[in-house]
Amino acid sequence: MKQEDTIPKTPINLRICSFCHSNEVENEIHFLFSCQLYESLRLKFFNDITDKCSLFNELDINARVLFLFNGIDPFVCRLTAAFVFQAMILRHEISSVK
């Protein structure tokens, strides 16, 4: 059973990522920017994004999220969708082994 499926719901501060050893809450920011499981996927993703927008790495986290999910640039949308898709496949593969 996943943490979000529990009744009562698991408090957000107790939703610790079980895919890395960071002891961080697993949320969208953690998934996109810091979970160690997705590090190699993230490196390629961010390199491709930076090739498109060299200022990406200078943005703060909130501005990066807005940039990735703004829906304006089809190239960025495709890269973001591909990263999430590949990360979810990896996550499923790791979960199946546990």
Protein backbone atom coordinates (compact mmCIF):
# COMPACT_ATOMS: atom_id res chain seq x y z
CA MET A 1 0.00 0.00 0.00
CA LYS A 2 1.32 3.42 -0.92
CA GLN A 3 1.58 6.13 1.73
CA GLU A 4 -1.01 8.31 -0.04
CA ASP A 5 -3.47 5.39 0.02
CA THR A 6 -3.51 5.15 3.80
CA ILE A 7 -6.51 6.17 5.86
CA PRO A 8 -6.08 8.51 7.54
CA LYS A 9 -3.71 10.09 5.04
CA THR A 10 -0.04 10.08 5.97
CA PRO A 11 0.98 13.62 7.00
CA ILE A 12 3.11 15.29 4.34
CA ASN A 13 6.14 15.59 6.64
CA LEU A 14 6.16 11.79 7.03
CA ARG A 15 6.10 11.01 3.31
CA ILE A 16 9.82 10.32 3.12
CA CYS A 17 11.23 9.16 -0.20
CA SER A 18 11.84 5.43 -0.17
CA PHE A 19 13.90 5.51 -3.37
CA CYS A 20 16.92 7.39 -2.07
CA HIS A 21 18.67 7.99 1.24
CA SER A 22 18.15 11.73 1.40
CA ASN A 23 15.51 11.51 4.14
CA GLU A 24 13.56 14.19 2.23
CA VAL A 25 9.80 14.40 1.80
CA GLU A 26 8.88 12.90 -1.54
CA ASN A 27 7.06 15.63 -3.45
CA GLU A 28 7.21 17.11 -6.93
CA ILE A 29 10.29 19.19 -6.15
CA HIS A 30 12.15 16.19 -4.76
CA PHE A 31 11.12 14.04 -7.72
CA LEU A 32 12.20 16.59 -10.32
CA PHE A 33 15.32 18.04 -8.72
CA SER A 34 16.91 15.89 -6.06
CA CYS A 35 15.89 12.23 -5.83
CA GLN A 36 19.08 10.25 -6.37
CA LEU A 37 17.22 7.47 -8.20
CA TYR A 38 16.65 9.74 -11.19
CA GLU A 39 20.09 11.42 -11.22
CA SER A 40 21.26 10.05 -14.59
CA LEU A 41 17.89 10.78 -16.24
CA ARG A 42 17.89 14.26 -14.70
CA LEU A 43 21.41 15.03 -15.94
CA LYS A 44 20.41 14.35 -19.56
CA PHE A 45 17.07 16.14 -19.10
CA PHE A 46 18.65 19.28 -17.64
CA ASN A 47 21.44 19.28 -20.23
CA ASP A 48 18.82 19.19 -23.00
CA ILE A 49 16.82 21.94 -21.28
CA THR A 50 19.95 24.07 -20.78
CA ASP A 51 20.80 23.68 -24.48
CA LYS A 52 17.40 25.25 -25.21
CA CYS A 53 17.56 27.88 -22.44
CA SER A 54 21.02 28.60 -21.08
CA LEU A 55 19.59 30.55 -18.13
CA PHE A 56 17.68 27.53 -16.77
CA ASN A 57 20.38 26.67 -14.22
CA GLU A 58 20.31 30.22 -12.88
CA LEU A 59 16.58 30.07 -12.06
CA ASP A 60 15.44 29.27 -8.53
CA ILE A 61 13.50 26.05 -7.96
CA ASN A 62 10.06 27.67 -8.24
CA ALA A 63 10.97 29.41 -11.50
CA ARG A 64 12.34 26.12 -12.86
CA VAL A 65 9.07 24.35 -12.10
CA LEU A 66 7.13 27.11 -13.85
CA PHE A 67 9.49 26.96 -16.82
CA LEU A 68 9.13 23.17 -17.14
CA PHE A 69 5.35 23.13 -16.82
CA ASN A 70 4.38 26.39 -18.51
CA GLY A 71 2.97 24.62 -21.56
CA ILE A 72 4.21 27.33 -23.92
CA ASP A 73 7.22 25.65 -25.51
CA PRO A 74 6.41 22.24 -27.08
CA PHE A 75 10.09 21.20 -26.94
CA VAL A 76 10.27 21.79 -23.17
CA CYS A 77 6.91 20.06 -22.67
CA ARG A 78 8.10 16.98 -24.58
CA LEU A 79 11.37 16.83 -22.63
CA THR A 80 9.56 17.19 -19.32
CA ALA A 81 7.01 14.53 -20.23
CA ALA A 82 9.78 12.18 -21.38
CA PHE A 83 11.70 12.67 -18.12
CA VAL A 84 8.61 11.97 -16.00
CA PHE A 85 7.71 8.93 -18.11
CA GLN A 86 11.23 7.46 -17.94
CA ALA A 87 11.47 8.18 -14.21
CA MET A 88 8.15 6.44 -13.57
CA ILE A 89 9.32 3.39 -15.53
CA LEU A 90 12.51 3.27 -13.45
CA ARG A 91 10.50 3.74 -10.27
CA HIS A 92 8.21 0.84 -11.23
CA GLU A 93 11.19 -1.39 -12.02
CA ILE A 94 12.79 -0.62 -8.65
CA SER A 95 9.48 -1.11 -6.81
CA SER A 96 9.03 -4.51 -8.46
CA VAL A 97 12.40 -5.65 -7.12
CA LYS A 98 11.74 -4.49 -3.53
